[in-house]
């Protein structure tokens, strides 16, 4: 059974997987990638910004499938930034997983919100707020330690 209130969220989630490559081609990703390259960011800064960008954009309804695709396109050559491809994949996978839990615009938040008769925004931002804050802090600390140990 599909709830009519979930039709928009379902459409966004399904279409986001196909929009990533299209947006990469339409936007000036090469210009943004060059700006990131020219900024000479440390590996910690680059990975932290990628992680936080995926989370922040999910909070305003942009699907993590799309943002991780854009992050990979912008970073392009992680080794040029002193980042191993495996580290980039790990950070973006973690960001994607956390964004799926932290965003009020996911199917999970919508379904659980409907089950407990709580608006998805309140469920995610109010009830899970402390969990979100602690998780982000621990994740950034983990990125820092991972970068320091390499």
N, C-alpha and C. Protein backbone atom coordinates (compact mmCIF):
# COMPACT_ATOMS: atom_id res chain seq x y z
N UNK A 1 0.84 -1.18 0.00
CA UNK A 1 0.00 0.00 0.00
C UNK A 1 0.89 1.24 0.00
N UNK A 2 0.61 2.17 -0.86
CA UNK A 2 1.36 3.41 -0.90
C UNK A 2 0.48 4.53 -0.39
N UNK A 3 0.99 5.28 0.52
CA UNK A 3 0.24 6.40 1.06
C UNK A 3 0.36 7.58 0.10
N UNK A 4 -0.70 8.29 -0.16
CA UNK A 4 -0.63 9.44 -1.07
C UNK A 4 0.34 10.51 -0.58
N UNK A 5 0.49 10.65 0.72
CA UNK A 5 1.39 11.65 1.27
C UNK A 5 2.86 11.33 1.02
N UNK A 6 3.16 10.09 0.65
CA UNK A 6 4.54 9.69 0.42
C UNK A 6 4.92 9.69 -1.06
N UNK A 7 3.99 10.00 -1.93
CA UNK A 7 4.26 9.94 -3.36
C UNK A 7 5.39 10.88 -3.76
N UNK A 8 5.41 12.09 -3.22
CA UNK A 8 6.45 13.05 -3.60
C UNK A 8 7.82 12.58 -3.13
N UNK A 9 7.91 12.09 -1.90
CA UNK A 9 9.19 11.63 -1.38
C UNK A 9 9.72 10.44 -2.19
N UNK A 10 8.83 9.54 -2.52
CA UNK A 10 9.24 8.37 -3.31
C UNK A 10 9.75 8.80 -4.68
N UNK A 11 9.06 9.73 -5.30
CA UNK A 11 9.49 10.22 -6.62
C UNK A 11 10.85 10.87 -6.55
N UNK A 12 11.09 11.66 -5.49
CA UNK A 12 12.38 12.35 -5.34
C UNK A 12 13.49 11.33 -5.15
N UNK A 13 13.27 10.34 -4.31
CA UNK A 13 14.32 9.35 -4.04
C UNK A 13 14.66 8.54 -5.28
N UNK A 14 13.67 8.16 -6.05
CA UNK A 14 13.92 7.36 -7.25
C UNK A 14 14.61 8.19 -8.31
N UNK A 15 14.15 9.42 -8.51
CA UNK A 15 14.73 10.25 -9.57
C UNK A 15 16.12 10.77 -9.21
N UNK A 16 16.44 10.90 -7.93
CA UNK A 16 17.76 11.42 -7.54
C UNK A 16 18.89 10.55 -8.04
N UNK A 17 18.68 9.26 -8.08
CA UNK A 17 19.72 8.35 -8.56
C UNK A 17 20.07 8.61 -10.02
N UNK A 18 19.11 9.07 -10.77
CA UNK A 18 19.35 9.34 -12.19
C UNK A 18 19.79 10.77 -12.46
N UNK A 19 19.53 11.67 -11.52
CA UNK A 19 19.88 13.08 -11.72
C UNK A 19 21.35 13.38 -11.52
N UNK A 20 22.05 12.60 -10.69
CA UNK A 20 23.46 12.86 -10.41
C UNK A 20 24.30 13.03 -11.65
N UNK A 21 24.36 12.04 -12.53
CA UNK A 21 25.18 12.19 -13.73
C UNK A 21 24.72 13.33 -14.63
N UNK A 22 23.41 13.59 -14.66
CA UNK A 22 22.90 14.69 -15.50
C UNK A 22 23.36 16.03 -14.95
N UNK A 23 23.25 16.21 -13.64
CA UNK A 23 23.66 17.49 -13.03
C UNK A 23 25.16 17.69 -13.16
N UNK A 24 25.93 16.63 -13.03
CA UNK A 24 27.37 16.74 -13.20
C UNK A 24 27.69 17.29 -14.58
N UNK A 25 26.95 16.86 -15.58
CA UNK A 25 27.19 17.34 -16.94
C UNK A 25 26.65 18.76 -17.15
N UNK A 26 25.55 19.11 -16.50
CA UNK A 26 24.94 20.43 -16.71
C UNK A 26 25.64 21.55 -15.96
N UNK A 27 26.08 21.26 -14.75
CA UNK A 27 26.75 22.28 -13.95
C UNK A 27 28.22 22.39 -14.35
N UNK A 28 28.82 23.46 -13.97
CA UNK A 28 30.25 23.65 -14.25
C UNK A 28 31.08 22.96 -13.19
N UNK A 29 30.94 21.65 -13.12
CA UNK A 29 31.64 20.87 -12.10
C UNK A 29 33.15 21.01 -12.26
N UNK A 30 33.61 21.12 -13.49
CA UNK A 30 35.06 21.27 -13.71
C UNK A 30 35.58 22.56 -13.08
N UNK A 31 34.78 23.62 -13.15
CA UNK A 31 35.18 24.90 -12.54
C UNK A 31 35.22 24.77 -11.02
N UNK A 32 34.21 24.12 -10.45
CA UNK A 32 34.17 23.92 -9.00
C UNK A 32 35.32 23.01 -8.58
N UNK A 33 35.57 21.94 -9.34
CA UNK A 33 36.66 21.02 -9.03
C UNK A 33 38.00 21.75 -9.07
N UNK A 34 38.18 22.64 -10.04
CA UNK A 34 39.42 23.40 -10.13
C UNK A 34 39.56 24.35 -8.95
N UNK A 35 38.46 24.95 -8.52
CA UNK A 35 38.49 25.85 -7.35
C UNK A 35 38.87 25.08 -6.09
N UNK A 36 38.35 23.87 -5.95
CA UNK A 36 38.71 23.03 -4.80
C UNK A 36 40.19 22.65 -4.88
N UNK A 37 40.65 22.32 -6.06
CA UNK A 37 42.06 21.97 -6.25
C UNK A 37 42.95 23.16 -5.91
N UNK A 38 42.57 24.35 -6.36
CA UNK A 38 43.38 25.55 -6.13
C UNK A 38 43.37 25.99 -4.67
N UNK A 39 42.36 25.57 -3.91
CA UNK A 39 42.25 25.98 -2.51
C UNK A 39 43.29 25.30 -1.62
N UNK A 40 43.91 24.24 -2.11
CA UNK A 40 44.93 23.51 -1.35
C UNK A 40 44.44 23.13 0.05
N UNK A 41 43.27 22.53 0.12
CA UNK A 41 42.70 22.11 1.40
C UNK A 41 43.44 20.89 1.93
N UNK A 42 43.56 20.81 3.23
CA UNK A 42 44.14 19.61 3.83
C UNK A 42 43.17 18.45 3.63
N UNK A 43 43.68 17.26 3.76
CA UNK A 43 42.83 16.07 3.60
C UNK A 43 41.70 16.08 4.62
N UNK A 44 42.02 16.46 5.87
CA UNK A 44 40.98 16.52 6.91
C UNK A 44 39.90 17.53 6.53
N UNK A 45 40.30 18.70 6.07
CA UNK A 45 39.33 19.74 5.71
C UNK A 45 38.46 19.28 4.54
N UNK A 46 39.09 18.71 3.53
CA UNK A 46 38.34 18.26 2.36
C UNK A 46 37.34 17.17 2.72
N UNK A 47 37.78 16.17 3.47
CA UNK A 47 36.88 15.07 3.86
C UNK A 47 35.77 15.56 4.78
N UNK A 48 36.11 16.46 5.70
CA UNK A 48 35.10 17.00 6.61
C UNK A 48 34.06 17.82 5.86
N UNK A 49 34.52 18.64 4.92
CA UNK A 49 33.58 19.45 4.13
C UNK A 49 32.68 18.56 3.27
N UNK A 50 33.24 17.51 2.70
CA UNK A 50 32.42 16.58 1.90
C UNK A 50 31.37 15.91 2.78
N UNK A 51 31.79 15.46 3.95
CA UNK A 51 30.87 14.81 4.90
C UNK A 51 29.75 15.77 5.32
N UNK A 52 30.14 16.96 5.73
CA UNK A 52 29.15 17.94 6.20
C UNK A 52 28.24 18.42 5.07
N UNK A 53 28.77 18.54 3.87
CA UNK A 53 27.95 18.98 2.73
C UNK A 53 26.85 17.97 2.42
N UNK A 54 27.20 16.69 2.44
CA UNK A 54 26.19 15.66 2.18
C UNK A 54 25.10 15.72 3.24
N UNK A 55 25.49 15.88 4.50
CA UNK A 55 24.51 15.97 5.59
C UNK A 55 23.66 17.23 5.49
N UNK A 56 24.30 18.36 5.27
CA UNK A 56 23.58 19.63 5.21
C UNK A 56 22.59 19.66 4.05
N UNK A 57 23.01 19.18 2.90
CA UNK A 57 22.12 19.18 1.75
C UNK A 57 20.96 18.20 1.93
N UNK A 58 21.18 17.12 2.65
CA UNK A 58 20.09 16.19 2.94
C UNK A 58 19.05 16.84 3.85
N UNK A 59 19.51 17.71 4.73
CA UNK A 59 18.59 18.38 5.66
C UNK A 59 17.64 19.33 4.94
N UNK A 60 18.01 19.77 3.74
CA UNK A 60 17.10 20.64 2.99
C UNK A 60 16.43 19.89 1.84
N UNK A 61 16.57 18.58 1.83
CA UNK A 61 15.82 17.75 0.90
C UNK A 61 16.55 17.29 -0.34
N UNK A 62 17.86 17.51 -0.41
CA UNK A 62 18.61 17.03 -1.57
C UNK A 62 19.13 15.64 -1.23
N UNK A 63 18.78 14.70 -2.04
CA UNK A 63 19.05 13.29 -1.78
C UNK A 63 20.55 13.00 -1.74
N UNK A 64 21.00 12.18 -0.77
CA UNK A 64 22.42 11.82 -0.67
C UNK A 64 22.97 11.11 -1.91
N UNK A 65 22.13 10.43 -2.65
CA UNK A 65 22.58 9.81 -3.89
C UNK A 65 23.15 10.90 -4.81
N UNK A 66 22.44 12.00 -4.87
CA UNK A 66 22.86 13.11 -5.72
C UNK A 66 24.09 13.82 -5.16
N UNK A 67 24.11 14.10 -3.88
CA UNK A 67 25.23 14.85 -3.31
C UNK A 67 26.53 14.05 -3.29
N UNK A 68 26.44 12.75 -3.07
CA UNK A 68 27.68 11.97 -3.12
C UNK A 68 28.22 11.90 -4.54
N UNK A 69 27.33 11.82 -5.51
CA UNK A 69 27.75 11.85 -6.92
C UNK A 69 28.45 13.15 -7.23
N UNK A 70 27.88 14.25 -6.76
CA UNK A 70 28.50 15.56 -6.99
C UNK A 70 29.84 15.68 -6.27
N UNK A 71 29.91 15.17 -5.05
CA UNK A 71 31.17 15.24 -4.29
C UNK A 71 32.28 14.48 -5.01
N UNK A 72 31.96 13.30 -5.52
CA UNK A 72 32.96 12.52 -6.24
C UNK A 72 33.39 13.27 -7.50
N UNK A 73 32.44 13.88 -8.19
CA UNK A 73 32.78 14.63 -9.40
C UNK A 73 33.63 15.86 -9.09
N UNK A 74 33.35 16.52 -7.98
CA UNK A 74 34.10 17.73 -7.61
C UNK A 74 35.51 17.36 -7.13
N UNK A 75 35.61 16.33 -6.32
CA UNK A 75 36.93 15.95 -5.81
C UNK A 75 37.75 15.29 -6.91
N UNK A 76 37.10 14.58 -7.80
CA UNK A 76 37.69 13.98 -9.00
C UNK A 76 38.90 13.09 -8.70
N UNK A 77 40.03 13.67 -8.35
CA UNK A 77 41.25 12.91 -8.11
C UNK A 77 41.64 13.06 -6.64
N UNK A 78 41.16 12.17 -5.78
CA UNK A 78 41.45 12.33 -4.35
C UNK A 78 42.94 12.33 -4.03
N UNK A 79 43.73 11.60 -4.78
CA UNK A 79 45.17 11.54 -4.52
C UNK A 79 45.83 12.90 -4.69
N UNK A 80 45.28 13.74 -5.55
CA UNK A 80 45.82 15.09 -5.74
C UNK A 80 45.64 15.94 -4.49
N UNK A 81 44.70 15.55 -3.64
CA UNK A 81 44.43 16.27 -2.39
C UNK A 81 45.07 15.57 -1.19
N UNK A 82 45.80 14.51 -1.43
CA UNK A 82 46.40 13.75 -0.33
C UNK A 82 45.43 12.82 0.35
N UNK A 83 44.37 12.45 -0.35
CA UNK A 83 43.32 11.58 0.19
C UNK A 83 43.32 10.28 -0.59
N UNK A 84 43.30 9.18 0.12
CA UNK A 84 43.21 7.90 -0.59
C UNK A 84 41.78 7.72 -1.08
N UNK A 85 41.61 7.08 -2.24
CA UNK A 85 40.25 6.83 -2.74
C UNK A 85 39.41 6.03 -1.74
N UNK A 86 40.05 5.11 -1.02
CA UNK A 86 39.32 4.32 -0.02
C UNK A 86 38.79 5.21 1.11
N UNK A 87 39.59 6.19 1.53
CA UNK A 87 39.13 7.11 2.58
C UNK A 87 37.95 7.94 2.08
N UNK A 88 38.03 8.40 0.85
CA UNK A 88 36.92 9.17 0.29
C UNK A 88 35.65 8.34 0.22
N UNK A 89 35.79 7.09 -0.22
CA UNK A 89 34.62 6.21 -0.29
C UNK A 89 34.05 5.97 1.10
N UNK A 90 34.91 5.75 2.08
CA UNK A 90 34.44 5.50 3.46
C UNK A 90 33.70 6.71 4.01
N UNK A 91 34.26 7.90 3.79
CA UNK A 91 33.63 9.12 4.32
C UNK A 91 32.30 9.38 3.63
N UNK A 92 32.27 9.25 2.31
CA UNK A 92 31.01 9.50 1.59
C UNK A 92 29.96 8.43 1.89
N UNK A 93 30.39 7.20 2.11
CA UNK A 93 29.43 6.15 2.50
C UNK A 93 28.85 6.44 3.87
N UNK A 94 29.70 6.86 4.80
CA UNK A 94 29.21 7.21 6.14
C UNK A 94 28.28 8.42 6.07
N UNK A 95 28.64 9.41 5.27
CA UNK A 95 27.79 10.60 5.13
C UNK A 95 26.44 10.21 4.52
N UNK A 96 26.47 9.35 3.53
CA UNK A 96 25.24 8.90 2.89
C UNK A 96 24.35 8.18 3.91
N UNK A 97 24.94 7.29 4.69
CA UNK A 97 24.18 6.55 5.69
C UNK A 97 23.60 7.49 6.75
N UNK A 98 24.41 8.44 7.21
CA UNK A 98 23.93 9.38 8.22
C UNK A 98 22.87 10.32 7.65
N UNK A 99 23.06 10.74 6.42
CA UNK A 99 22.08 11.63 5.78
C UNK A 99 20.72 10.94 5.66
N UNK A 100 20.76 9.65 5.40
CA UNK A 100 19.51 8.89 5.30
C UNK A 100 18.78 8.87 6.65
N UNK A 101 19.53 8.96 7.74
CA UNK A 101 18.91 8.96 9.07
C UNK A 101 18.57 10.36 9.56
N UNK A 102 19.34 11.35 9.13
CA UNK A 102 19.18 12.70 9.67
C UNK A 102 18.21 13.56 8.88
N UNK A 103 17.93 13.20 7.65
CA UNK A 103 17.07 14.04 6.82
C UNK A 103 15.60 13.78 7.09
N UNK A 104 14.82 14.84 7.27
CA UNK A 104 13.38 14.63 7.43
C UNK A 104 12.68 14.32 6.10
N UNK A 105 13.43 14.33 5.01
CA UNK A 105 12.83 14.12 3.70
C UNK A 105 13.09 12.73 3.14
N UNK A 106 13.41 11.79 3.98
CA UNK A 106 13.63 10.42 3.53
C UNK A 106 12.37 9.60 3.73
N UNK A 107 12.33 8.49 3.05
CA UNK A 107 11.20 7.59 3.21
C UNK A 107 11.09 7.07 4.63
N UNK A 108 12.24 6.80 5.26
CA UNK A 108 12.24 6.29 6.63
C UNK A 108 11.58 7.28 7.58
N UNK A 109 12.00 8.54 7.52
CA UNK A 109 11.42 9.56 8.40
C UNK A 109 9.94 9.75 8.13
N UNK A 110 9.57 9.71 6.88
CA UNK A 110 8.16 9.89 6.52
C UNK A 110 7.31 8.75 7.04
N UNK A 111 7.77 7.53 6.84
CA UNK A 111 6.99 6.37 7.27
C UNK A 111 6.90 6.31 8.79
N UNK A 112 8.03 6.48 9.49
CA UNK A 112 8.01 6.44 10.95
C UNK A 112 7.18 7.59 11.50
N UNK A 113 7.31 8.76 10.90
CA UNK A 113 6.49 9.89 11.32
C UNK A 113 5.01 9.61 11.21
N UNK A 114 4.60 8.98 10.09
CA UNK A 114 3.19 8.63 9.92
C UNK A 114 2.76 7.56 10.91
N UNK A 115 3.63 6.59 11.18
CA UNK A 115 3.26 5.53 12.12
C UNK A 115 2.99 6.07 13.52
N UNK A 116 3.82 7.04 13.95
CA UNK A 116 3.68 7.58 15.30
C UNK A 116 2.98 8.93 15.33
N UNK A 117 2.45 9.34 14.19
CA UNK A 117 1.71 10.60 14.07
C UNK A 117 2.54 11.79 14.55
N UNK A 118 3.79 11.83 14.09
CA UNK A 118 4.72 12.91 14.40
C UNK A 118 5.22 13.47 13.07
N UNK A 119 5.24 14.78 12.91
CA UNK A 119 5.81 15.32 11.67
C UNK A 119 7.27 14.86 11.52
N UNK A 120 7.66 14.53 10.32
CA UNK A 120 9.01 14.01 10.07
C UNK A 120 10.08 15.01 10.53
N UNK A 121 9.83 16.29 10.36
CA UNK A 121 10.80 17.30 10.78
C UNK A 121 11.01 17.25 12.29
N UNK A 122 9.92 17.11 13.03
CA UNK A 122 10.04 17.04 14.49
C UNK A 122 10.72 15.75 14.93
N UNK A 123 10.36 14.66 14.28
CA UNK A 123 10.97 13.37 14.60
C UNK A 123 12.49 13.44 14.45
N UNK A 124 12.95 13.98 13.35
CA UNK A 124 14.38 14.00 13.06
C UNK A 124 15.10 15.08 13.84
N UNK A 125 14.60 16.29 13.79
CA UNK A 125 15.35 17.42 14.34
C UNK A 125 15.20 17.58 15.85
N UNK A 126 14.05 17.28 16.40
CA UNK A 126 13.84 17.46 17.84
C UNK A 126 14.17 16.18 18.61
N UNK A 127 13.54 15.11 18.23
CA UNK A 127 13.74 13.87 18.98
C UNK A 127 15.11 13.26 18.75
N UNK A 128 15.66 13.42 17.55
CA UNK A 128 16.98 12.86 17.26
C UNK A 128 18.08 13.92 17.30
N UNK A 129 17.77 15.13 17.69
CA UNK A 129 18.74 16.22 17.71
C UNK A 129 20.02 15.91 18.47
N UNK A 130 19.93 15.45 19.72
CA UNK A 130 21.16 15.11 20.45
C UNK A 130 21.98 14.01 19.76
N UNK A 131 21.29 13.01 19.23
CA UNK A 131 21.98 11.94 18.50
C UNK A 131 22.71 12.50 17.28
N UNK A 132 22.07 13.40 16.57
CA UNK A 132 22.68 14.02 15.40
C UNK A 132 23.93 14.79 15.80
N UNK A 133 23.83 15.61 16.84
CA UNK A 133 24.97 16.43 17.27
C UNK A 133 26.15 15.55 17.70
N UNK A 134 25.88 14.54 18.50
CA UNK A 134 26.95 13.65 18.97
C UNK A 134 27.57 12.89 17.81
N UNK A 135 26.75 12.40 16.90
CA UNK A 135 27.25 11.63 15.77
C UNK A 135 28.14 12.48 14.86
N UNK A 136 27.73 13.71 14.61
CA UNK A 136 28.54 14.60 13.77
C UNK A 136 29.88 14.88 14.44
N UNK A 137 29.85 15.18 15.73
CA UNK A 137 31.11 15.44 16.45
C UNK A 137 32.03 14.23 16.44
N UNK A 138 31.48 13.05 16.71
CA UNK A 138 32.29 11.83 16.69
C UNK A 138 32.81 11.51 15.29
N UNK A 139 32.00 11.76 14.30
CA UNK A 139 32.44 11.51 12.92
C UNK A 139 33.59 12.43 12.53
N UNK A 140 33.48 13.71 12.87
CA UNK A 140 34.56 14.65 12.55
C UNK A 140 35.83 14.30 13.32
N UNK A 141 35.67 13.88 14.57
CA UNK A 141 36.84 13.43 15.35
C UNK A 141 37.46 12.19 14.71
N UNK A 142 36.62 11.29 14.23
CA UNK A 142 37.12 10.10 13.55
C UNK A 142 37.87 10.43 12.27
N UNK A 143 37.36 11.40 11.51
CA UNK A 143 38.03 11.82 10.29
C UNK A 143 39.39 12.42 10.66
N UNK A 144 39.43 13.21 11.72
CA UNK A 144 40.68 13.83 12.15
C UNK A 144 41.71 12.78 12.57
N UNK A 145 41.26 11.81 13.35
CA UNK A 145 42.18 10.75 13.82
C UNK A 145 42.64 9.92 12.63
N UNK A 146 41.73 9.58 11.74
CA UNK A 146 42.08 8.81 10.55
C UNK A 146 43.12 9.56 9.72
N UNK A 147 42.94 10.85 9.56
CA UNK A 147 43.89 11.66 8.79
C UNK A 147 45.22 11.76 9.52
N UNK A 148 45.20 11.88 10.84
CA UNK A 148 46.43 12.02 11.60
C UNK A 148 47.25 10.72 11.60
N UNK A 149 46.59 9.58 11.51
CA UNK A 149 47.27 8.29 11.55
C UNK A 149 47.85 7.86 10.21
N UNK A 150 47.51 8.52 9.16
CA UNK A 150 48.01 8.04 7.85
C UNK A 150 49.44 8.42 7.60
